[in-house]
Protein backbone atom coordinates (compact mmCIF):
# COMPACT_ATOMS: atom_id res chain seq x y z
CA UNK A 1 22.18 -52.71 -111.71
CA UNK A 2 24.04 -49.71 -110.29
CA UNK A 3 25.28 -49.89 -106.72
CA UNK A 4 23.72 -46.75 -105.27
CA UNK A 5 20.21 -45.32 -105.69
CA UNK A 6 19.57 -41.59 -105.96
CA UNK A 7 19.11 -41.19 -102.20
CA UNK A 8 21.11 -42.71 -99.37
CA UNK A 9 20.19 -41.77 -95.83
CA UNK A 10 18.87 -38.19 -95.85
CA UNK A 11 15.50 -37.05 -97.22
CA UNK A 12 15.89 -36.03 -100.85
CA UNK A 13 13.64 -34.66 -103.54
CA UNK A 14 14.25 -36.48 -106.81
CA UNK A 15 12.79 -36.03 -110.26
CA UNK A 16 10.16 -38.37 -111.66
CA UNK A 17 12.31 -40.05 -114.37
CA UNK A 18 15.02 -40.91 -111.81
CA UNK A 19 12.47 -42.31 -109.36
CA UNK A 20 10.99 -44.57 -112.03
CA UNK A 21 14.48 -45.68 -113.04
CA UNK A 22 15.20 -46.62 -109.41
CA UNK A 23 12.05 -48.75 -109.31
CA UNK A 24 12.88 -50.45 -112.60
CA UNK A 25 16.42 -51.17 -111.38
CA UNK A 26 15.14 -52.84 -108.21
CA UNK A 27 16.43 -50.17 -105.82
CA UNK A 28 12.92 -49.88 -104.39
CA UNK A 29 11.14 -53.08 -103.39
CA UNK A 30 7.46 -53.31 -102.42
CA UNK A 31 7.15 -55.75 -99.48
CA UNK A 32 4.28 -58.22 -99.60
CA UNK A 33 2.79 -57.01 -96.34
CA UNK A 34 1.61 -53.98 -98.31
CA UNK A 35 -1.92 -53.92 -99.68
CA UNK A 36 -2.12 -55.06 -103.30
CA UNK A 37 -2.65 -52.32 -105.85
CA UNK A 38 -6.30 -51.25 -105.57
CA UNK A 39 -6.63 -47.75 -107.01
CA UNK A 40 -9.41 -47.34 -109.55
CA UNK A 41 -8.90 -45.47 -112.84
CA UNK A 42 -10.28 -42.14 -111.62
CA UNK A 43 -7.86 -41.95 -108.70
CA UNK A 44 -4.93 -42.70 -111.02
CA UNK A 45 -6.01 -39.98 -113.43
CA UNK A 46 -6.44 -37.50 -110.59
CA UNK A 47 -2.89 -38.18 -109.40
CA UNK A 48 -1.54 -37.39 -112.87
CA UNK A 49 -3.64 -34.23 -113.05
CA UNK A 50 -2.06 -33.15 -109.78
CA UNK A 51 1.42 -33.72 -111.22
CA UNK A 52 0.63 -31.59 -114.24
CA UNK A 53 -0.79 -28.81 -112.09
CA UNK A 54 2.27 -28.85 -109.82
CA UNK A 55 0.26 -29.98 -106.80
CA UNK A 56 2.41 -32.00 -104.34
CA UNK A 57 1.40 -35.65 -104.23
CA UNK A 58 3.14 -36.43 -100.95
CA UNK A 59 6.39 -38.12 -100.05
CA UNK A 60 7.43 -41.76 -100.29
CA UNK A 61 8.72 -43.43 -97.15
CA UNK A 62 11.27 -46.21 -97.60
CA UNK A 63 12.99 -48.46 -95.08
CA UNK A 64 16.68 -48.89 -95.88
CA UNK A 65 18.30 -51.96 -94.43
CA UNK A 66 21.22 -54.23 -95.26
CA UNK A 67 20.22 -57.00 -92.85
CA UNK A 68 16.51 -57.76 -93.21
CA UNK A 69 15.16 -59.56 -96.26
CA UNK A 70 11.41 -59.26 -96.83
CA UNK A 71 9.31 -61.13 -99.40
CA UNK A 72 8.47 -58.50 -102.01
CA UNK A 73 6.20 -58.32 -105.03
CA UNK A 74 8.05 -59.89 -107.93
CA UNK A 75 6.40 -57.51 -110.36
CA UNK A 76 5.09 -53.95 -110.31
CA UNK A 77 2.40 -53.17 -112.89
CA UNK A 78 3.28 -56.49 -114.48
CA UNK A 79 6.98 -55.66 -114.94
CA UNK A 80 9.49 -58.00 -113.32
CA UNK A 81 11.60 -56.15 -110.77
CA UNK A 82 15.22 -57.32 -110.21
CA UNK A 83 16.16 -58.70 -106.80
CA UNK A 84 18.94 -56.84 -104.96
CA UNK A 85 22.27 -58.60 -104.65
CA UNK A 86 23.06 -60.35 -101.37
CA UNK A 87 24.46 -57.92 -98.81
CA UNK A 88 23.28 -54.84 -100.72
CA UNK A 89 21.30 -52.19 -98.88
CA UNK A 90 17.63 -52.44 -99.88
CA UNK A 91 14.91 -49.79 -99.81
CA UNK A 92 11.51 -51.26 -98.88
CA UNK A 93 8.55 -49.02 -99.60
CA UNK A 94 6.58 -48.40 -96.38
CA UNK A 95 4.24 -45.68 -97.62
CA UNK A 96 3.24 -44.73 -101.17
CA UNK A 97 2.56 -48.07 -102.87
CA UNK A 98 -0.59 -46.91 -104.70
CA UNK A 99 1.05 -43.70 -105.91
CA UNK A 100 4.31 -45.34 -106.96
CA UNK A 101 2.58 -48.13 -108.89
CA UNK A 102 0.31 -45.60 -110.59
CA UNK A 103 3.31 -43.58 -111.78
CA UNK A 104 5.37 -46.61 -112.79
CA UNK A 105 2.50 -48.10 -114.80
CA UNK A 106 1.58 -44.78 -116.42
CA UNK A 107 5.06 -43.91 -117.70
CA UNK A 108 6.20 -47.35 -118.86
CA UNK A 109 8.26 -46.97 -122.01
CA UNK A 110 8.57 -49.48 -124.86
CA UNK A 111 12.17 -50.06 -123.74
CA UNK A 112 10.96 -51.32 -120.33
CA UNK A 113 11.36 -55.11 -120.06
CA UNK A 114 8.31 -56.99 -121.27
CA UNK A 115 5.46 -57.41 -118.86
CA UNK A 116 5.24 -60.79 -117.20
CA UNK A 117 2.26 -62.81 -118.34
CA UNK A 118 0.04 -64.12 -115.59
CA UNK A 119 1.73 -61.89 -113.05
CA UNK A 120 -0.71 -63.12 -110.45
CA UNK A 121 -3.49 -61.69 -108.31
CA UNK A 122 -0.95 -59.88 -106.15
CA UNK A 123 -0.20 -57.45 -108.97
CA UNK A 124 -3.15 -56.32 -111.06
CA UNK A 125 -1.89 -54.55 -114.18
CA UNK A 126 -3.59 -51.15 -114.50
CA UNK A 127 -5.06 -50.07 -117.84
CA UNK A 128 -2.72 -47.71 -119.74
CA UNK A 129 -3.28 -43.97 -119.39
CA UNK A 130 -2.73 -41.51 -122.25
CA UNK A 131 -2.80 -37.75 -122.63
CA UNK A 132 -5.43 -36.66 -125.12
CA UNK A 133 -4.25 -33.39 -126.64
CA UNK A 134 -7.68 -32.64 -128.09
CA UNK A 135 -9.33 -33.01 -124.68
CA UNK A 136 -6.30 -31.47 -122.95
CA UNK A 137 -6.59 -34.15 -120.28
CA UNK A 138 -5.46 -37.60 -119.18
CA UNK A 139 -7.64 -40.49 -120.36
CA UNK A 140 -7.69 -44.24 -119.80
CA UNK A 141 -6.92 -46.13 -123.00
CA UNK A 142 -6.77 -45.13 -126.66
CA UNK A 143 -9.00 -47.70 -128.37
CA UNK A 144 -9.15 -45.86 -131.72
CA UNK A 145 -5.41 -45.27 -131.93
CA UNK A 146 -5.82 -41.50 -132.31
CA UNK A 147 -2.48 -39.84 -133.10
CA UNK A 148 -3.19 -36.93 -130.75
CA UNK A 149 -3.69 -39.31 -127.82
CA UNK A 150 -0.12 -39.84 -126.64
CA UNK A 151 1.41 -42.47 -124.33
CA UNK A 152 2.78 -40.83 -121.22
CA UNK A 153 6.39 -42.02 -121.60
CA UNK A 154 6.75 -39.44 -124.38
CA UNK A 155 6.31 -36.67 -121.81
CA UNK A 156 9.57 -37.66 -120.15
CA UNK A 157 11.51 -37.38 -123.43
CA UNK A 158 11.65 -34.02 -125.22
CA UNK A 159 13.34 -35.52 -128.28
CA UNK A 160 10.61 -38.14 -128.66
CA UNK A 161 7.90 -35.46 -128.46
CA UNK A 162 9.53 -33.39 -131.19
CA UNK A 163 10.01 -36.44 -133.42
CA UNK A 164 6.36 -37.35 -132.98
CA UNK A 165 5.19 -33.98 -134.28
CA UNK A 166 7.78 -33.80 -137.06
CA UNK A 167 6.43 -37.12 -138.24
CA UNK A 168 2.89 -35.75 -138.36
CA UNK A 169 4.06 -32.71 -140.32
CA UNK A 170 5.75 -34.94 -142.92
CA UNK A 171 2.63 -37.06 -143.30
CA UNK A 172 0.60 -33.99 -144.19
CA UNK A 173 -3.16 -33.85 -144.01
CA UNK A 174 -3.22 -31.49 -141.04
CA UNK A 175 -3.12 -27.73 -140.87
CA UNK A 176 0.23 -26.43 -139.66
CA UNK A 177 -1.54 -24.20 -137.17
CA UNK A 178 -3.38 -27.22 -135.69
CA UNK A 179 -0.17 -29.23 -135.33
CA UNK A 180 1.54 -26.25 -133.68
CA UNK A 181 -1.38 -25.81 -131.26
CA UNK A 182 -1.31 -29.43 -130.16
CA UNK A 183 2.49 -29.44 -129.92
CA UNK A 184 2.32 -26.43 -127.61
CA UNK A 185 -0.05 -28.33 -125.30
CA UNK A 186 2.22 -31.40 -125.39
CA UNK A 187 5.31 -29.37 -124.52
CA UNK A 188 3.47 -27.83 -121.57
CA UNK A 189 2.75 -31.31 -120.22
CA UNK A 190 6.35 -32.33 -120.95
CA UNK A 191 7.67 -29.37 -118.97
CA UNK A 192 5.39 -30.19 -116.00
CA UNK A 193 6.48 -33.82 -115.89
CA UNK A 194 10.19 -33.12 -116.29
CA UNK A 195 10.07 -30.64 -113.42
CA UNK A 196 8.06 -32.93 -111.18
CA UNK A 197 9.91 -33.61 -107.92
CA UNK A 198 8.92 -36.26 -105.39
CA UNK A 199 10.32 -36.36 -101.84
CA UNK A 200 11.77 -39.69 -100.71
CA UNK A 201 12.22 -40.08 -96.95
CA UNK A 202 14.44 -43.00 -95.93
CA UNK A 203 14.24 -44.73 -92.57
CA UNK A 204 17.75 -46.15 -92.22
CA UNK A 205 17.77 -48.89 -89.60
CA UNK A 206 18.19 -52.63 -89.20
CA UNK A 207 15.63 -52.65 -86.37
CA UNK A 208 12.60 -54.57 -87.73
CA UNK A 209 10.42 -53.52 -84.78
CA UNK A 210 11.08 -49.85 -85.47
CA UNK A 211 10.30 -50.30 -89.16
CA UNK A 212 7.01 -52.12 -88.53
CA UNK A 213 5.92 -49.56 -85.93
CA UNK A 214 6.63 -46.84 -88.45
CA UNK A 215 4.65 -48.70 -91.08
CA UNK A 216 1.74 -49.03 -88.65
CA UNK A 217 1.80 -45.32 -87.83
CA UNK A 218 1.96 -43.93 -91.35
CA UNK A 219 -0.68 -46.34 -92.63
CA UNK A 220 -3.07 -45.47 -89.81
CA UNK A 221 -3.42 -42.10 -91.53
CA UNK A 222 -4.87 -41.26 -94.94
CA UNK A 223 -6.37 -44.25 -96.75
CA UNK A 224 -7.39 -46.74 -94.06
CA UNK A 225 -6.01 -50.26 -94.20
CA UNK A 226 -7.67 -53.34 -92.83
CA UNK A 227 -6.70 -54.81 -89.51
CA UNK A 228 -5.34 -57.80 -91.42
CA UNK A 229 -2.73 -55.72 -93.27
CA UNK A 230 -1.52 -54.24 -90.02
CA UNK A 231 -1.28 -57.61 -88.27
CA UNK A 232 0.42 -59.23 -91.28
CA UNK A 233 3.06 -56.47 -91.23
CA UNK A 234 3.68 -56.60 -87.50
CA UNK A 235 3.92 -60.41 -87.32
CA UNK A 236 6.04 -60.87 -90.42
CA UNK A 237 9.31 -62.71 -89.98
CA UNK A 238 11.78 -64.79 -91.97
CA UNK A 239 9.74 -67.91 -91.22
CA UNK A 240 6.26 -66.42 -90.79
CA UNK A 241 4.10 -64.67 -93.39
CA UNK A 242 0.43 -64.56 -92.40
CA UNK A 243 -0.84 -63.75 -95.88
CA UNK A 244 1.17 -66.56 -97.41
CA UNK A 245 -0.13 -69.02 -94.78
CA UNK A 246 -3.75 -68.07 -95.47
CA UNK A 247 -3.25 -68.30 -99.25
CA UNK A 248 -1.55 -71.68 -98.96
CA UNK A 249 -4.27 -73.12 -96.75
CA UNK A 250 -7.13 -71.88 -98.94
CA UNK A 251 -5.47 -73.48 -101.97
CA UNK A 252 -5.86 -76.88 -100.29
CA UNK A 253 -9.65 -76.75 -99.99
CA UNK A 254 -12.34 -77.58 -102.50
CA UNK A 255 -15.31 -75.46 -101.57
CA UNK A 256 -18.97 -76.01 -102.49
CA UNK A 257 -20.02 -74.74 -105.95
CA UNK A 258 -20.31 -70.97 -105.99
CA UNK A 259 -18.44 -70.48 -102.70
CA UNK A 260 -15.19 -68.53 -102.57
CA UNK A 261 -12.43 -68.37 -99.94
CA UNK A 262 -13.24 -66.05 -97.08
CA UNK A 263 -11.58 -62.66 -96.97
CA UNK A 264 -8.27 -62.24 -95.19
CA UNK A 265 -10.05 -60.21 -92.51
CA UNK A 266 -12.68 -62.88 -91.86
CA UNK A 267 -9.97 -65.54 -91.69
CA UNK A 268 -8.09 -63.36 -89.20
CA UNK A 269 -11.28 -62.98 -87.13
CA UNK A 270 -11.49 -66.76 -86.77
CA UNK A 271 -7.84 -66.81 -85.72
CA UNK A 272 -8.66 -64.22 -83.06
CA UNK A 273 -11.34 -66.54 -81.72
CA UNK A 274 -8.90 -69.45 -81.58
CA UNK A 275 -6.53 -67.24 -79.60
CA UNK A 276 -9.26 -66.48 -77.09
CA UNK A 277 -9.64 -62.88 -78.20
CA UNK A 278 -12.57 -60.63 -78.99
CA UNK A 279 -13.62 -61.31 -82.56
CA UNK A 280 -14.82 -57.77 -83.23
CA UNK A 281 -12.31 -55.56 -81.47
CA UNK A 282 -9.04 -57.02 -80.26
CA UNK A 283 -6.13 -54.83 -79.03
CA UNK A 284 -3.62 -54.84 -81.87
CA UNK A 285 -0.51 -55.20 -79.73
CA UNK A 286 -1.98 -58.11 -77.77
CA UNK A 287 -3.14 -59.85 -80.95
CA UNK A 288 0.32 -59.58 -82.47
CA UNK A 289 1.94 -60.98 -79.31
CA UNK A 290 -0.43 -63.93 -79.18
CA UNK A 291 0.13 -64.79 -82.84
CA UNK A 292 3.87 -64.68 -82.24
CA UNK A 293 3.47 -66.90 -79.18
CA UNK A 294 1.32 -69.44 -81.02
CA UNK A 295 2.18 -69.24 -84.72
CA UNK A 296 1.02 -72.84 -85.27
CA UNK A 297 -2.61 -71.71 -84.93
CA UNK A 298 -2.37 -69.52 -88.04
CA UNK A 299 -2.94 -72.49 -90.35
CA UNK A 300 -6.16 -73.62 -88.64
CA UNK A 301 -8.78 -70.91 -89.40
CA UNK A 302 -9.06 -71.81 -93.08
CA UNK A 303 -9.94 -75.44 -92.37
CA UNK A 304 -12.58 -74.38 -89.86
CA UNK A 305 -14.17 -71.82 -92.19
CA UNK A 306 -14.15 -74.37 -95.01
CA UNK A 307 -15.94 -76.86 -92.75
CA UNK A 308 -18.47 -74.19 -91.80
CA UNK A 309 -19.02 -73.33 -95.47
CA UNK A 310 -19.55 -76.97 -96.42
CA UNK A 311 -22.03 -77.40 -93.59
CA UNK A 312 -23.85 -74.18 -94.51
CA UNK A 313 -24.07 -75.17 -98.18
CA UNK A 314 -25.54 -78.57 -97.26
CA UNK A 315 -27.93 -77.48 -94.52
CA UNK A 316 -28.45 -73.74 -94.31
CA UNK A 317 -28.10 -71.78 -97.55
CA UNK A 318 -28.33 -72.90 -101.16
CA UNK A 319 -26.08 -70.04 -102.27
CA UNK A 320 -23.42 -68.00 -100.42
CA UNK A 321 -25.33 -64.83 -101.37
CA UNK A 322 -28.08 -66.00 -99.00
CA UNK A 323 -25.90 -66.22 -95.87
CA UNK A 324 -27.67 -63.77 -93.54
CA UNK A 325 -24.61 -62.61 -91.57
CA UNK A 326 -20.96 -63.41 -92.22
CA UNK A 327 -20.61 -63.29 -88.43
CA UNK A 328 -22.69 -66.49 -88.25
CA UNK A 329 -20.15 -68.24 -90.47
CA UNK A 330 -17.24 -66.79 -88.47
CA UNK A 331 -18.62 -67.88 -85.09
CA UNK A 332 -19.57 -71.32 -86.42
CA UNK A 333 -15.98 -71.83 -87.61
CA UNK A 334 -14.60 -70.82 -84.20
CA UNK A 335 -17.04 -73.12 -82.36
CA UNK A 336 -16.10 -76.07 -84.60
CA UNK A 337 -12.54 -75.85 -83.30
CA UNK A 338 -13.49 -77.62 -80.09
CA UNK A 339 -15.35 -80.44 -81.86
CA UNK A 340 -13.89 -83.56 -83.49
CA UNK A 341 -13.00 -83.12 -87.14
CA UNK A 342 -16.09 -85.02 -88.20
CA UNK A 343 -19.47 -83.59 -89.23
CA UNK A 344 -21.15 -86.57 -87.53
CA UNK A 345 -20.51 -84.83 -84.21
CA UNK A 346 -22.40 -81.68 -85.25
CA UNK A 347 -25.95 -81.39 -83.97
CA UNK A 348 -27.23 -80.23 -87.35
CA UNK A 349 -30.77 -79.53 -86.22
CA UNK A 350 -29.67 -77.37 -83.28
CA UNK A 351 -27.21 -75.42 -85.43
CA UNK A 352 -29.91 -74.89 -88.06
CA UNK A 353 -32.14 -73.44 -85.36
CA UNK A 354 -29.31 -71.22 -84.07
CA UNK A 355 -28.74 -69.76 -87.55
CA UNK A 356 -32.47 -69.33 -88.18
CA UNK A 357 -33.25 -67.61 -84.89
CA UNK A 358 -30.22 -65.34 -84.88
CA UNK A 359 -31.34 -64.29 -88.37
CA UNK A 360 -34.97 -63.69 -87.36
CA UNK A 361 -33.89 -61.77 -84.26
CA UNK A 362 -31.29 -59.67 -86.09
CA UNK A 363 -28.63 -60.75 -83.61
CA UNK A 364 -25.72 -59.48 -85.70
CA UNK A 365 -27.27 -56.41 -87.28
CA UNK A 366 -24.73 -54.45 -85.24
CA UNK A 367 -21.57 -56.27 -84.27
CA UNK A 368 -21.35 -54.97 -80.71
CA UNK A 369 -18.44 -56.66 -78.96
CA UNK A 370 -20.25 -57.93 -75.86
CA UNK A 371 -23.18 -59.26 -77.92
CA UNK A 372 -20.96 -61.16 -80.34
CA UNK A 373 -19.00 -62.73 -77.50
CA UNK A 374 -22.23 -63.74 -75.72
CA UNK A 375 -23.54 -65.36 -78.91
CA UNK A 376 -20.25 -67.22 -79.39
CA UNK A 377 -20.31 -68.60 -75.85
CA UNK A 378 -23.89 -69.79 -76.39
CA UNK A 379 -22.99 -71.42 -79.72
CA UNK A 380 -19.93 -73.17 -78.32
CA UNK A 381 -21.91 -74.61 -75.43
CA UNK A 382 -24.75 -75.70 -77.71
CA UNK A 383 -22.52 -77.56 -80.14
CA UNK A 384 -20.98 -79.39 -77.19
CA UNK A 385 -24.44 -80.54 -76.09
CA UNK A 386 -24.90 -78.00 -73.30
CA UNK A 387 -28.24 -76.32 -73.94
CA UNK A 388 -27.97 -72.95 -72.22
CA UNK A 389 -30.66 -70.23 -72.12
CA UNK A 390 -30.36 -67.54 -74.77
CA UNK A 391 -28.28 -64.68 -73.26
CA UNK A 392 -30.33 -62.02 -71.54
CA UNK A 393 -28.54 -59.15 -73.27
CA UNK A 394 -29.52 -60.44 -76.72
CA UNK A 395 -32.92 -59.76 -78.27
CA UNK A 396 -35.35 -62.66 -78.42
CA UNK A 397 -39.02 -63.11 -79.24
CA UNK A 398 -41.42 -66.02 -79.62
CA UNK A 399 -43.46 -64.12 -82.21
CA UNK A 400 -42.56 -63.80 -85.87
CA UNK A 401 -42.29 -60.22 -87.07
CA UNK A 402 -43.52 -59.34 -90.59
CA UNK A 403 -40.94 -59.65 -93.32
CA UNK A 404 -39.20 -56.52 -94.58
CA UNK A 405 -39.19 -55.77 -98.28
CA UNK A 406 -37.46 -58.44 -100.33
CA UNK A 407 -34.19 -56.51 -100.43
CA UNK A 408 -31.05 -58.65 -100.50
CA UNK A 409 -29.27 -56.07 -98.34
CA UNK A 410 -31.43 -57.25 -95.44
CA UNK A 411 -30.35 -60.42 -93.60
CA UNK A 412 -33.86 -61.83 -93.14
CA UNK A 413 -34.73 -61.03 -96.74
CA UNK A 414 -31.65 -62.93 -97.95
CA UNK A 415 -32.58 -66.00 -95.93
CA UNK A 416 -36.20 -65.83 -97.04
CA UNK A 417 -35.16 -65.37 -100.67
CA UNK A 418 -33.05 -68.52 -100.42
CA UNK A 419 -36.04 -70.56 -99.26
CA UNK A 420 -38.31 -68.89 -101.81
CA UNK A 421 -35.89 -69.65 -104.66
CA UNK A 422 -35.61 -73.30 -103.57
CA UNK A 423 -39.39 -73.62 -103.44
CA UNK A 424 -39.96 -72.26 -106.94
CA UNK A 425 -36.94 -73.89 -108.59
CA UNK A 426 -34.97 -70.67 -109.09
CA UNK A 427 -31.97 -71.35 -106.86
CA UNK A 428 -29.56 -71.12 -109.78
CA UNK A 429 -31.05 -67.80 -110.85
CA UNK A 430 -30.56 -66.40 -107.33
CA UNK A 431 -27.03 -67.80 -107.14
CA UNK A 432 -25.91 -66.27 -110.43
CA UNK A 433 -27.81 -62.96 -110.36
CA UNK A 434 -28.14 -62.19 -106.67
CA UNK A 435 -30.35 -59.14 -106.11
CA UNK A 436 -31.01 -58.89 -109.86
CA UNK A 437 -32.94 -62.16 -109.65
CA UNK A 438 -35.71 -60.29 -107.81
CA UNK A 439 -38.09 -58.21 -109.94
CA UNK A 440 -41.16 -56.07 -109.33
CA UNK A 441 -44.41 -57.05 -111.05
CA UNK A 442 -46.11 -53.64 -110.91
CA UNK A 443 -44.06 -50.50 -111.31
CA UNK A 444 -46.48 -48.50 -109.18
CA UNK A 445 -46.16 -50.83 -106.19
CA UNK A 446 -42.38 -50.49 -106.01
CA UNK A 447 -40.58 -52.73 -103.53
CA UNK A 448 -43.65 -53.83 -101.56
CA UNK A 449 -43.12 -57.45 -100.52
CA UNK A 450 -46.14 -58.86 -102.36
CA UNK A 451 -45.02 -57.18 -105.57
CA UNK A 452 -41.63 -58.94 -105.67
CA UNK A 453 -40.91 -62.15 -107.58
CA UNK A 454 -37.83 -64.29 -108.08
CA UNK A 455 -38.10 -64.52 -111.83
CA UNK A 456 -35.88 -63.84 -114.88
CA UNK A 457 -36.45 -60.21 -115.85
CA UNK A 458 -36.25 -61.05 -119.55
CA UNK A 459 -39.17 -63.46 -119.13
CA UNK A 460 -41.57 -61.10 -117.41
CA UNK A 461 -44.13 -61.65 -120.20
CA UNK A 462 -44.15 -65.36 -119.32
CA UNK A 463 -45.09 -64.46 -115.74
CA UNK A 464 -47.89 -62.18 -116.99
CA UNK A 465 -49.27 -64.97 -119.17
CA UNK A 466 -49.06 -67.54 -116.38
CA UNK A 467 -51.07 -65.25 -114.11
CA UNK A 468 -53.59 -64.54 -116.86
CA UNK A 469 -54.31 -68.20 -117.65
CA UNK A 470 -53.79 -69.47 -114.10
CA UNK A 471 -50.85 -71.75 -114.95
CA UNK A 472 -50.22 -73.08 -111.44
CA UNK A 473 -47.40 -75.30 -112.65
CA UNK A 474 -45.31 -72.24 -113.53
CA UNK A 475 -46.56 -70.34 -110.51
CA UNK A 476 -45.81 -73.09 -108.00
CA UNK A 477 -43.76 -71.78 -105.09
CA UNK A 478 -44.50 -68.11 -105.88
CA UNK A 479 -47.17 -67.62 -103.17
CA UNK A 480 -50.07 -67.45 -105.62
CA UNK A 481 -53.54 -68.86 -104.84
CA UNK A 482 -56.92 -68.61 -106.50
CA UNK A 483 -57.71 -65.36 -104.72
CA UNK A 484 -54.53 -63.83 -106.11
CA UNK A 485 -55.47 -65.00 -109.61
CA UNK A 486 -58.98 -63.55 -109.30
CA UNK A 487 -57.52 -60.22 -108.20
CA UNK A 488 -55.10 -60.27 -111.13
CA UNK A 489 -57.89 -60.89 -113.66
CA UNK A 490 -60.01 -58.08 -112.18
CA UNK A 491 -56.94 -55.81 -112.03
CA UNK A 492 -57.37 -55.33 -108.27
CA UNK A 493 -53.68 -54.67 -107.85
CA UNK A 494 -53.84 -53.62 -104.22
CA UNK A 495 -55.60 -56.83 -103.16
CA UNK A 496 -53.25 -58.97 -105.28
CA UNK A 497 -50.17 -57.50 -103.60
CA UNK A 498 -51.71 -57.55 -100.10
CA UNK A 499 -52.94 -61.15 -100.44
CA UNK A 500 -49.60 -62.38 -101.72
CA UNK A 501 -47.73 -60.55 -98.96
CA UNK A 502 -49.95 -62.23 -96.36
CA UNK A 503 -49.09 -65.65 -97.81
CA UNK A 504 -45.36 -64.84 -97.72
CA UNK A 505 -45.55 -63.72 -94.10
CA UNK A 506 -47.56 -66.84 -93.20
CA UNK A 507 -44.84 -68.99 -94.79
CA UNK A 508 -42.17 -67.13 -92.83
CA UNK A 509 -44.13 -67.47 -89.58
CA UNK A 510 -44.53 -71.21 -90.08
CA UNK A 511 -40.78 -71.55 -90.60
CA UNK A 512 -40.07 -69.42 -87.52
CA UNK A 513 -42.34 -71.39 -85.18
CA UNK A 514 -40.85 -74.67 -86.46
CA UNK A 515 -37.57 -73.46 -84.92
CA UNK A 516 -39.27 -73.72 -81.49
CA UNK A 517 -38.06 -70.34 -80.25
CA UNK A 518 -39.53 -70.72 -76.73
CA UNK A 519 -37.51 -73.91 -76.11
CA UNK A 520 -34.40 -72.31 -77.59
CA UNK A 521 -34.72 -69.26 -75.34
CA UNK A 522 -35.19 -71.42 -72.27
CA UNK A 523 -32.23 -73.67 -73.16
CA UNK A 524 -34.42 -76.76 -73.49
CA UNK A 525 -33.47 -79.52 -75.92
C-alpha cells in the first residue's frame, strides 16, 4: 500500500479511477458510525446517469487524522479493505458513504481482490450494474449474458473497450456498421467516465469533538439520518461503541417465535427513558452528555425490551404484527426497569388492561411529547402497585367506539385482528401473511368491516362453500350466525355485511367493557 493518497490537506478534485484505487488501497476508511449502505437500485443507476451527463454528484468529506483509530467497515461492497499501518494518517469518510459505495461496487474490476463471503449485515453487496449499449442506458444485472451489455469497469479502460469490440468483429455474425455504432456509444461513455472528477474535502485534525460535530452538521442536511446514527457518532470512543453494544446484547436473547430484535432507534428510546429523558424528543447534546456520564446503562435497554416482548407474546399479542403501538412496547420496557427481574412481580391483568385501553383510546396515535410522558408516569406507578387516575390530558371514554375497517395500518384493527385470528384458528396465517391474511368476500363491498375475513385467499372457494352449506365448524370464530347464513343464501349482501359487522362490534364492545374502563380512569383497583 502506497504511503500517500491522492490528496493531503487541501481540497482536491481527483478523477474517478484514482478515487476508486484509493478506496481499494485502504486510504479511505468508512467508520462504523455511518449508516450501512441502503441505496436502492434506482438511486444507484441515477447516480451513474449523472456521471455520464457530467452533472456534479457532490463532494466527499473525509477526516484525516494520525491519532484517532475508529472501528471501520471491514469490507465495502463485499471487498475486503486493507487496514492502515500503525501511525499512518487515515482518511475517515464523514460524508458520501452511499455515493462512494455505489461507485466502488459499480466499477469493480476482475482484478479486484475476491469478494468476502458472508461479509455480514453491515455491508450489503449491491447487485452489479452494466451499461446496455442497445438501450443506451445503465441497467441492473445482465441475466442473459448479452455481449452488448458491458460491465462498467471496461469504461475506465480504453484498451479493454477496443479489445472487446475487436473480439466481436473477429467472431463475425454482426454487421460492421452495427458494431461501429455500438462502439461509438461505448466510447462516449468511456470518455465521460474518464473525465469524471470528484471533489474530496479533507478535515485535517486530531480533535475528535470537531470531527463529530462536523459529521453531525453535514449529515443533518440532504438525506436525513436517524437520531440513533447521530448519537452513536457523537458518543463513540475507543472503549464505547453504541451500535456494537446493542448488537452484542441482542445476540444474547432468544426471542419468542416470529419476534425480531427492536430497531436501533427503539432501543435508543428505551435508553433515553432509563436516563430520565423525554422518549420522543430529547435534546441531542444533553442525551450525548448523559450517555457519556452513565455508559453502563447502554447495555440495559435490550434486556428490558426482550422482557417486554416475551410478556407481550405470552399475554397480549399472538404475533408481533398485531402490536398496536410500538410505543406501548417501549414504555413497558422502560417501566420494567424499576421492577425486580422476575415476571412474577408484574401485575399481568393490570398491564393487559393498560395495553387494551390505550389501544381503544388511540393514546399513541400521535406521539406528542407531554402525552407520552404522562402515559409513562401512569404506567410506572401502576406496575409498582400505585393505581393512579388516568391523566386528564389523555383521551378516555367508558363507551366502546365502533371498529374501523379491518385495515392492519390501524392500531385497533391490528389488535382486533389478533383476537379474531386466535378465535378462528388462523393465528399462523396472520403471523406469516400480515395484512395479506385479510380478504374481502364481496368485491362490491370493498373494505367494509363485515365484508372482511381472515382466510387464505387461495381458498376463497372453500369459504363460499362453507357459507352455502352452513358449515359452522369451518365458520366458527368468523362472526357468522344463522341470520348471516340466511342472508347469504338469499343473496341479501347488504344485510349479510351489516349483520356480521354488528356481531364484530358487539365482540369488540364486550372485550372493551371487560377491561373495566371506569375503574381504570378513576385509578381504582
